[in-house]
Every structure is written in C-alpha cells, then in structure tokens.
C-alpha cells in the first residue's frame, strides 16, 4: 500500500503474486464467501475479492491441484471447478493434509 493524497488515505501500490501453495487458500476464502463447492473458473479471477492479486497464473494453479482438490470441467456455459469435498470442514482438512 502507498499513502494517498490525504491523511489516512491509502492506495494499492501493486498486486500480490499468489504462489502455487497459497492458491488453495484463495479458493477456500472464496468458498467461505459464496458457500458453493462449484466455481466458475472464468469468473473467479474477475471477482472483486481478487482485485489485489496477480491472477495470470490462476489457470496453471487450477491444473496443479486437479484432481486432488477439485475436478475441472468444460461446459457449454464455461469452465467450472467442482471441489472434491462439498463440506467446508472436510475441504479444510484436505488443505491441512497438504501442508503436513
């Protein structure tokens, strides 16, 4: 963050890169907000939650965890990721198992 033009004002200096190991946590945060185990991949990077992140590597990061954490599908209405666990707590356990 950089200081803005006025006292107490800040602006985004640059977007943060998301490493491969952090990407599942970004997906988990999205799920916490939208409460859906199905994610429209094309809209994911466009979501306002991602406005402070560099999203260029998201396509590769979706692939990196396929099929361990989610299943990727091509549909007429677009690309979709379906999380392997439909329960948030079970998905969290899968994330914890990744770091052990």
Protein backbone atom coordinates (compact mmCIF):
# COMPACT_ATOMS: atom_id res chain seq x y z
CA UNK A 1 0.00 0.00 0.00
CA UNK A 2 1.11 3.54 -0.71
CA UNK A 3 -0.03 6.66 1.07
CA UNK A 4 -2.79 8.52 -0.71
CA UNK A 5 -3.18 12.23 -1.30
CA UNK A 6 -4.89 12.84 2.04
CA UNK A 7 -4.15 11.89 5.65
CA UNK A 8 -5.31 8.33 6.36
CA UNK A 9 -5.82 7.56 2.68
CA UNK A 10 -4.06 4.61 1.06
CA UNK A 11 -3.98 3.08 -2.39
CA UNK A 12 -2.86 -0.20 -3.82
CA UNK A 13 0.76 0.05 -4.97
CA UNK A 14 0.84 -3.29 -6.76
CA UNK A 15 -0.96 -6.60 -6.81
CA UNK A 16 0.32 -9.56 -4.81
CA UNK A 17 1.54 -12.69 -6.57
CA UNK A 18 -0.14 -15.93 -5.47
CA UNK A 19 2.22 -18.85 -5.13
CA UNK A 20 1.13 -22.38 -6.03
CA UNK A 21 0.96 -23.44 -2.37
CA UNK A 22 -1.24 -20.43 -1.48
CA UNK A 23 -3.78 -20.84 -4.29
CA UNK A 24 -5.93 -23.46 -2.48
CA UNK A 25 -6.29 -20.99 0.39
CA UNK A 26 -7.60 -18.38 -2.06
CA UNK A 27 -10.16 -20.95 -3.25
CA UNK A 28 -11.06 -21.69 0.39
CA UNK A 29 -11.57 -17.96 1.09
CA UNK A 30 -13.82 -17.70 -1.99
CA UNK A 31 -15.84 -20.65 -0.72
CA UNK A 32 -16.22 -19.02 2.70
CA UNK A 33 -17.83 -16.04 0.96
CA UNK A 34 -20.01 -17.76 -1.64
CA UNK A 35 -20.74 -21.10 0.09
CA UNK A 36 -20.68 -23.10 -3.13
CA UNK A 37 -18.40 -26.06 -3.93
CA UNK A 38 -18.75 -25.25 -7.65
CA UNK A 39 -16.72 -22.35 -9.03
CA UNK A 40 -16.97 -20.73 -12.45
CA UNK A 41 -13.28 -20.57 -13.28
CA UNK A 42 -13.56 -17.73 -15.79
CA UNK A 43 -15.38 -15.53 -13.28
CA UNK A 44 -13.15 -16.48 -10.34
CA UNK A 45 -10.21 -14.28 -11.39
CA UNK A 46 -12.63 -11.44 -12.17
CA UNK A 47 -14.21 -11.47 -8.70
CA UNK A 48 -13.67 -8.31 -6.66
CA UNK A 49 -12.01 -10.48 -3.98
CA UNK A 50 -9.13 -11.00 -6.42
CA UNK A 51 -8.61 -7.34 -7.28
CA UNK A 52 -5.48 -7.14 -5.14
CA UNK A 53 -3.94 -10.33 -6.58
CA UNK A 54 -1.99 -11.15 -9.74
CA UNK A 55 -4.28 -13.64 -11.47
CA UNK A 56 -2.16 -14.56 -14.52
CA UNK A 57 -1.06 -17.92 -13.05
CA UNK A 58 -4.52 -19.00 -11.87
CA UNK A 59 -5.10 -21.29 -14.90
CA UNK A 60 -1.93 -23.26 -14.11
CA UNK A 61 -2.78 -23.33 -10.42
CA UNK A 62 -6.23 -24.77 -11.11
CA UNK A 63 -4.49 -27.53 -13.09
CA UNK A 64 -1.88 -28.12 -10.38
CA UNK A 65 -4.43 -29.38 -7.85
CA UNK A 66 -6.63 -31.29 -10.32
CA UNK A 67 -7.90 -33.91 -9.37
CA UNK A 68 -6.63 -33.86 -5.78
CA UNK A 69 -8.72 -30.94 -4.50
CA UNK A 70 -11.17 -30.34 -7.36
CA UNK A 71 -12.32 -31.59 -10.73
CA UNK A 72 -12.16 -29.26 -13.73
CA UNK A 73 -14.88 -29.41 -16.36
CA UNK A 74 -15.50 -27.74 -19.69
CA UNK A 75 -19.19 -26.97 -20.21
CA UNK A 76 -21.20 -25.00 -22.74
CA UNK A 77 -21.68 -22.27 -20.15
CA UNK A 78 -17.94 -22.15 -19.38
CA UNK A 79 -15.23 -23.81 -17.36
CA UNK A 80 -16.02 -24.99 -13.86
CA UNK A 81 -14.18 -26.41 -10.86
CA UNK A 82 -16.09 -28.70 -8.53
CA UNK A 83 -14.42 -29.14 -5.17
CA UNK A 84 -13.84 -32.76 -4.13
CA UNK A 85 -15.43 -32.05 -0.77
CA UNK A 86 -18.88 -30.48 -0.58
CA UNK A 87 -18.36 -29.76 3.10
CA UNK A 88 -16.20 -26.80 4.15
CA UNK A 89 -14.72 -28.63 7.16
CA UNK A 90 -13.71 -31.61 5.01
CA UNK A 91 -12.08 -29.28 2.48
CA UNK A 92 -10.19 -27.54 5.29
CA UNK A 93 -8.89 -30.94 6.44
CA UNK A 94 -7.68 -31.66 2.90
CA UNK A 95 -5.81 -28.33 2.94
CA UNK A 96 -4.20 -29.16 6.29
CA UNK A 97 -3.15 -32.56 4.96
CA UNK A 98 -1.37 -30.78 2.08
CA UNK A 99 0.94 -28.88 4.44
CA UNK A 100 1.84 -31.84 6.63
